[in-house]
Amino acid sequence: QKTLNQPTEIKPKIDSSKKINIYAGTNENTDLSNFAIRPFKSLDPSLEEEIDFKSVEQAFQYFKTQSTDPKSEKDVHELGDIQNKILATTNGGILRTLGKSIKNFDSKNWDNHSSKLMKTLLKQSFEQNPEALNKLLATGNAELTHTQDKGKWGTEFPKLLMEVRQALSNQNTQEQEVQNLKIL
């Protein structure tokens, strides 16, 4: 028996016969890409303040700089320069290159939490951009892909994006149920 306090959990089956590839490099559904310009705010725990980001990739590479242990004043200065460059560009390729230039990078720590961070950033960016959210939700239960990427993110990115789509779809369904009750 369902009550109003219980969230509605709807888990549609992913329809693998409907595939939607997302890849900014080939202009395939770029609105859904982590490179897409979708301004949003995200909390930087180290500064205890929100930062304005222009894309998920920009935020992702910015937070990547926090998985490092600067060994000298020079390293601290260089890290600050990289952060400033990240915040000054929206080009996804340049952002990725800047992320790869981080010195004293703790890849094990990063690998342990990079997927969770990507999912959080994706969710924040779509929640704060209703037009983009509508485009994501319009993909329905189609399988999302990222076929050109042969690394970890080739499978991880679409999986996370489908999880975000599901979570935000459930959230929209619950909000609609509340609105319907108010009308009654």
C-alpha atoms as a PDB file:
ATOM      1  CA  GLN A   1       0.000   0.000   0.000  1.00  0.00           C
ATOM      2  CA  LYS A   2       1.499   3.306  -1.171  1.00  0.00           C
ATOM      3  CA  THR A   3       1.314   6.503   0.842  1.00  0.00           C
ATOM      4  CA  LEU A   4       2.225  10.040  -0.162  1.00  0.00           C
ATOM      5  CA  ASN A   5       5.427   9.899   1.863  1.00  0.00           C
ATOM      6  CA  GLN A   6       6.842   7.008  -0.143  1.00  0.00           C
ATOM      7  CA  PRO A   7       8.699   8.012  -3.288  1.00  0.00           C
ATOM      8  CA  THR A   8       7.538   6.496  -6.530  1.00  0.00           C
ATOM      9  CA  GLU A   9      10.289   4.300  -7.911  1.00  0.00           C
ATOM     10  CA  ILE A  10       9.823   3.695 -11.585  1.00  0.00           C
ATOM     11  CA  LYS A  11      12.609   1.755 -13.249  1.00  0.00           C
ATOM     12  CA  PRO A  12      11.953   1.420 -16.949  1.00  0.00           C
ATOM     13  CA  LYS A  13      13.892  -1.203 -18.819  1.00  0.00           C
ATOM     14  CA  ILE A  14      16.571   0.286 -21.037  1.00  0.00           C
ATOM     15  CA  ASP A  15      15.565  -0.173 -24.670  1.00  0.00           C
ATOM     16  CA  SER A  16      18.746  -1.345 -26.412  1.00  0.00           C
ATOM     17  CA  SER A  17      16.983  -1.278 -29.777  1.00  0.00           C
ATOM     18  CA  LYS A  18      16.948   2.515 -29.451  1.00  0.00           C
ATOM     19  CA  LYS A  19      20.503   3.814 -29.118  1.00  0.00           C
ATOM     20  CA  ILE A  20      21.427   7.456 -28.828  1.00  0.00           C
ATOM     21  CA  ASN A  21      25.119   8.225 -29.106  1.00  0.00           C
ATOM     22  CA  ILE A  22      26.474  11.240 -27.261  1.00  0.00           C
ATOM     23  CA  TYR A  23      29.796  12.559 -28.440  1.00  0.00           C
ATOM     24  CA  ALA A  24      30.708  16.244 -28.718  1.00  0.00           C
ATOM     25  CA  GLY A  25      33.631  15.539 -31.060  1.00  0.00           C
ATOM     26  CA  THR A  26      31.262  14.377 -33.800  1.00  0.00           C
ATOM     27  CA  ASN A  27      28.380  16.711 -32.867  1.00  0.00           C
ATOM     28  CA  GLU A  28      26.165  13.804 -31.811  1.00  0.00           C
ATOM     29  CA  ASN A  29      23.642  14.964 -29.228  1.00  0.00           C
ATOM     30  CA  THR A  30      26.140  17.482 -27.874  1.00  0.00           C
ATOM     31  CA  ASP A  31      23.464  19.060 -25.658  1.00  0.00           C
ATOM     32  CA  LEU A  32      23.756  15.969 -23.442  1.00  0.00           C
ATOM     33  CA  SER A  33      27.567  15.860 -23.421  1.00  0.00           C
ATOM     34  CA  ASN A  34      29.743  16.699 -20.440  1.00  0.00           C
ATOM     35  CA  PHE A  35      31.365  19.242 -22.803  1.00  0.00           C
ATOM     36  CA  ALA A  36      28.028  21.060 -23.389  1.00  0.00           C
ATOM     37  CA  ILE A  37      27.752  24.610 -22.115  1.00  0.00           C
ATOM     38  CA  ARG A  38      25.236  24.226 -19.271  1.00  0.00           C
ATOM     39  CA  PRO A  39      26.071  26.802 -16.588  1.00  0.00           C
ATOM     40  CA  PHE A  40      25.554  25.571 -13.049  1.00  0.00           C
ATOM     41  CA  LYS A  41      26.799  26.028  -9.509  1.00  0.00           C
ATOM     42  CA  SER A  42      28.550  23.389  -7.442  1.00  0.00           C
ATOM     43  CA  LEU A  43      29.910  23.502  -3.922  1.00  0.00           C
ATOM     44  CA  ASP A  44      33.680  23.441  -3.563  1.00  0.00           C
ATOM     45  CA  PRO A  45      34.156  21.830  -0.134  1.00  0.00           C
ATOM     46  CA  SER A  46      37.724  23.109   0.143  1.00  0.00           C
ATOM     47  CA  LEU A  47      36.536  26.720  -0.158  1.00  0.00           C
ATOM     48  CA  GLU A  48      33.142  26.121   1.464  1.00  0.00           C
ATOM     49  CA  GLU A  49      31.493  28.131  -1.303  1.00  0.00           C
ATOM     50  CA  GLU A  50      29.706  27.554  -4.570  1.00  0.00           C
ATOM     51  CA  ILE A  51      31.569  28.013  -7.813  1.00  0.00           C
ATOM     52  CA  ASP A  52      30.015  28.888 -11.164  1.00  0.00           C
ATOM     53  CA  PHE A  53      30.910  26.399 -13.865  1.00  0.00           C
ATOM     54  CA  LYS A  54      30.034  26.562 -17.538  1.00  0.00           C
ATOM     55  CA  SER A  55      30.139  22.824 -18.231  1.00  0.00           C
ATOM     56  CA  VAL A  56      30.375  19.508 -16.448  1.00  0.00           C
ATOM     57  CA  GLU A  57      33.826  18.961 -17.964  1.00  0.00           C
ATOM     58  CA  GLN A  58      35.039  22.277 -16.559  1.00  0.00           C
ATOM     59  CA  ALA A  59      33.810  21.347 -13.070  1.00  0.00           C
ATOM     60  CA  PHE A  60      35.185  17.815 -13.384  1.00  0.00           C
ATOM     61  CA  GLN A  61      38.688  18.995 -14.300  1.00  0.00           C
ATOM     62  CA  TYR A  62      38.575  21.713 -11.621  1.00  0.00           C
ATOM     63  CA  PHE A  63      37.770  19.156  -8.921  1.00  0.00           C
ATOM     64  CA  LYS A  64      40.431  16.852 -10.338  1.00  0.00           C
ATOM     65  CA  THR A  65      43.005  19.427  -9.230  1.00  0.00           C
ATOM     66  CA  GLN A  66      42.024  18.593  -5.649  1.00  0.00           C
ATOM     67  CA  SER A  67      43.354  15.038  -6.023  1.00  0.00           C
ATOM     68  CA  THR A  68      46.910  16.244  -5.799  1.00  0.00           C
ATOM     69  CA  ASP A  69      49.497  16.846  -3.146  1.00  0.00           C
ATOM     70  CA  PRO A  70      51.676  19.822  -4.049  1.00  0.00           C
ATOM     71  CA  LYS A  71      55.249  19.207  -2.884  1.00  0.00           C
ATOM     72  CA  SER A  72      56.548  22.783  -3.037  1.00  0.00           C
ATOM     73  CA  GLU A  73      55.483  26.425  -3.285  1.00  0.00           C
ATOM     74  CA  LYS A  74      56.159  26.181  -7.012  1.00  0.00           C
ATOM     75  CA  ASP A  75      53.735  23.228  -7.236  1.00  0.00           C
ATOM     76  CA  VAL A  76      51.076  25.204  -5.322  1.00  0.00           C
ATOM     77  CA  HIS A  77      51.531  28.145  -7.700  1.00  0.00           C
ATOM     78  CA  GLU A  78      51.361  25.906 -10.799  1.00  0.00           C
ATOM     79  CA  LEU A  79      48.230  24.198  -9.466  1.00  0.00           C
ATOM     80  CA  GLY A  80      46.595  27.607  -8.946  1.00  0.00           C
ATOM     81  CA  ASP A  81      47.511  28.525 -12.526  1.00  0.00           C
ATOM     82  CA  ILE A  82      45.909  25.320 -13.827  1.00  0.00           C
ATOM     83  CA  GLN A  83      42.736  25.984 -11.802  1.00  0.00           C
ATOM     84  CA  ASN A  84      42.545  29.523 -13.205  1.00  0.00           C
ATOM     85  CA  LYS A  85      43.040  28.246 -16.752  1.00  0.00           C
ATOM     86  CA  ILE A  86      40.323  25.634 -16.216  1.00  0.00           C
ATOM     87  CA  LEU A  87      37.907  28.293 -15.006  1.00  0.00           C
ATOM     88  CA  ALA A  88      38.805  30.539 -17.957  1.00  0.00           C
ATOM     89  CA  THR A  89      37.992  28.090 -20.768  1.00  0.00           C
ATOM     90  CA  THR A  90      34.980  26.169 -21.980  1.00  0.00           C
ATOM     91  CA  ASN A  91      36.743  24.110 -24.667  1.00  0.00           C
ATOM     92  CA  GLY A  92      36.385  20.453 -23.658  1.00  0.00           C
ATOM     93  CA  GLY A  93      39.607  19.329 -25.327  1.00  0.00           C
ATOM     94  CA  ILE A  94      41.633  22.059 -23.656  1.00  0.00           C
ATOM     95  CA  LEU A  95      40.002  21.264 -20.307  1.00  0.00           C
ATOM     96  CA  ARG A  96      40.935  17.602 -20.639  1.00  0.00           C
ATOM     97  CA  THR A  97      44.529  18.536 -21.551  1.00  0.00           C
ATOM     98  CA  LEU A  98      44.734  20.823 -18.513  1.00  0.00           C
ATOM     99  CA  GLY A  99      43.495  17.965 -16.322  1.00  0.00           C
ATOM    100  CA  LYS A 100      46.247  15.723 -17.671  1.00  0.00           C
ATOM    101  CA  SER A 101      48.886  18.354 -16.821  1.00  0.00           C
ATOM    102  CA  ILE A 102      48.277  18.219 -13.059  1.00  0.00           C
ATOM    103  CA  LYS A 103      51.474  17.345 -11.173  1.00  0.00           C
ATOM    104  CA  ASN A 104      51.633  15.089  -8.099  1.00  0.00           C
ATOM    105  CA  PHE A 105      48.277  13.670  -9.092  1.00  0.00           C
ATOM    106  CA  ASP A 106      46.843  10.892  -6.899  1.00  0.00           C
ATOM    107  CA  SER A 107      45.288   8.704  -9.595  1.00  0.00           C
ATOM    108  CA  LYS A 108      44.205   5.990  -7.135  1.00  0.00           C
ATOM    109  CA  ASN A 109      42.222   8.490  -5.050  1.00  0.00           C
ATOM    110  CA  TRP A 110      40.787  10.037  -8.215  1.00  0.00           C
ATOM    111  CA  ASP A 111      39.785   6.678  -9.687  1.00  0.00           C
ATOM    112  CA  ASN A 112      37.998   5.818  -6.427  1.00  0.00           C
ATOM    113  CA  HIS A 113      35.652   8.788  -6.637  1.00  0.00           C
ATOM    114  CA  SER A 114      35.686  10.180 -10.208  1.00  0.00           C
ATOM    115  CA  SER A 115      32.528   8.318 -11.291  1.00  0.00           C
ATOM    116  CA  LYS A 116      30.552   9.494  -8.261  1.00  0.00           C
ATOM    117  CA  LEU A 117      31.751  13.051  -8.885  1.00  0.00           C
ATOM    118  CA  MET A 118      30.818  12.885 -12.591  1.00  0.00           C
ATOM    119  CA  LYS A 119      27.325  11.648 -11.699  1.00  0.00           C
ATOM    120  CA  THR A 120      26.872  14.424  -9.116  1.00  0.00           C
ATOM    121  CA  LEU A 121      28.019  17.102 -11.580  1.00  0.00           C
ATOM    122  CA  LEU A 122      25.793  15.755 -14.359  1.00  0.00           C
ATOM    123  CA  LYS A 123      22.799  15.748 -12.023  1.00  0.00           C
ATOM    124  CA  GLN A 124      23.490  19.298 -10.811  1.00  0.00           C
ATOM    125  CA  SER A 125      23.922  20.605 -14.359  1.00  0.00           C
ATOM    126  CA  PHE A 126      20.637  19.112 -15.575  1.00  0.00           C
ATOM    127  CA  GLU A 127      18.722  20.134 -12.434  1.00  0.00           C
ATOM    128  CA  GLN A 128      19.859  23.734 -12.926  1.00  0.00           C
ATOM    129  CA  ASN A 129      19.127  23.787 -16.687  1.00  0.00           C
ATOM    130  CA  PRO A 130      15.482  22.830 -17.318  1.00  0.00           C
ATOM    131  CA  GLU A 131      15.756  23.012 -21.112  1.00  0.00           C
ATOM    132  CA  ALA A 132      18.675  20.581 -21.102  1.00  0.00           C
ATOM    133  CA  LEU A 133      16.824  18.367 -18.611  1.00  0.00           C
ATOM    134  CA  ASN A 134      13.861  18.185 -20.985  1.00  0.00           C
ATOM    135  CA  LYS A 135      16.210  17.057 -23.769  1.00  0.00           C
ATOM    136  CA  LEU A 136      17.652  14.366 -21.503  1.00  0.00           C
ATOM    137  CA  LEU A 137      14.215  13.157 -20.403  1.00  0.00           C
ATOM    138  CA  ALA A 138      13.065  13.153 -24.044  1.00  0.00           C
ATOM    139  CA  THR A 139      15.510  10.293 -24.679  1.00  0.00           C
ATOM    140  CA  GLY A 140      12.988   8.137 -22.784  1.00  0.00           C
ATOM    141  CA  ASN A 141      14.360   4.695 -22.059  1.00  0.00           C
ATOM    142  CA  ALA A 142      16.745   4.619 -25.041  1.00  0.00           C
ATOM    143  CA  GLU A 143      20.189   3.227 -24.407  1.00  0.00           C
ATOM    144  CA  LEU A 144      22.695   6.067 -24.325  1.00  0.00           C
ATOM    145  CA  THR A 145      26.134   5.390 -25.768  1.00  0.00           C
ATOM    146  CA  HIS A 146      29.515   7.091 -26.057  1.00  0.00           C
ATOM    147  CA  THR A 147      30.966   4.769 -28.680  1.00  0.00           C
ATOM    148  CA  GLN A 148      33.979   6.762 -29.869  1.00  0.00           C
ATOM    149  CA  ASP A 149      35.566   6.708 -26.408  1.00  0.00           C
ATOM    150  CA  LYS A 150      37.382   3.391 -25.998  1.00  0.00           C
ATOM    151  CA  GLY A 151      38.507   4.064 -22.406  1.00  0.00           C
ATOM    152  CA  LYS A 152      36.677   3.898 -19.082  1.00  0.00           C
ATOM    153  CA  TRP A 153      34.341   6.761 -19.963  1.00  0.00           C
ATOM    154  CA  GLY A 154      33.129   5.045 -23.134  1.00  0.00           C
ATOM    155  CA  THR A 155      30.920   2.848 -20.951  1.00  0.00           C
ATOM    156  CA  GLU A 156      30.909   4.762 -17.667  1.00  0.00           C
ATOM    157  CA  PHE A 157      29.650   8.111 -19.008  1.00  0.00           C
ATOM    158  CA  PRO A 158      26.486   6.770 -20.676  1.00  0.00           C
ATOM    159  CA  LYS A 159      25.768   4.534 -17.674  1.00  0.00           C
ATOM    160  CA  LEU A 160      25.966   7.528 -15.336  1.00  0.00           C
ATOM    161  CA  LEU A 161      23.904   9.676 -17.683  1.00  0.00           C
ATOM    162  CA  MET A 162      21.165   7.023 -17.795  1.00  0.00           C
ATOM    163  CA  GLU A 163      21.223   6.851 -13.971  1.00  0.00           C
ATOM    164  CA  VAL A 164      20.859  10.644 -13.782  1.00  0.00           C
ATOM    165  CA  ARG A 165      18.039  10.510 -16.346  1.00  0.00           C
ATOM    166  CA  GLN A 166      16.278   7.900 -14.220  1.00  0.00           C
ATOM    167  CA  ALA A 167      16.728   9.822 -10.970  1.00  0.00           C
ATOM    168  CA  LEU A 168      15.515  13.095 -12.476  1.00  0.00           C
ATOM    169  CA  SER A 169      12.636  11.353 -14.244  1.00  0.00           C
ATOM    170  CA  ASN A 170      11.517   9.880 -10.898  1.00  0.00           C
ATOM    171  CA  GLN A 171      11.892  13.308  -9.293  1.00  0.00           C
ATOM    172  CA  ASN A 172       9.746  14.904 -12.023  1.00  0.00           C
ATOM    173  CA  THR A 173       7.127  12.158 -11.621  1.00  0.00           C
ATOM    174  CA  GLN A 174       6.946  12.781  -7.870  1.00  0.00           C
ATOM    175  CA  GLU A 175       6.662  16.547  -8.390  1.00  0.00           C
ATOM    176  CA  GLN A 176       3.862  15.978 -10.902  1.00  0.00           C
ATOM    177  CA  GLU A 177       2.019  13.724  -8.426  1.00  0.00           C
ATOM    178  CA  VAL A 178       2.219  16.491  -5.800  1.00  0.00           C
ATOM    179  CA  GLN A 179       0.918  19.051  -8.312  1.00  0.00           C
ATOM    180  CA  ASN A 180      -1.963  16.730  -9.247  1.00  0.00           C
ATOM    181  CA  LEU A 181      -2.899  16.392  -5.566  1.00  0.00           C
ATOM    182  CA  LYS A 182      -2.918  20.180  -5.167  1.00  0.00           C
ATOM    183  CA  ILE A 183      -5.333  20.451  -8.099  1.00  0.00           C
ATOM    184  CA  LEU A 184      -7.702  17.941  -6.480  1.00  0.00           C
END
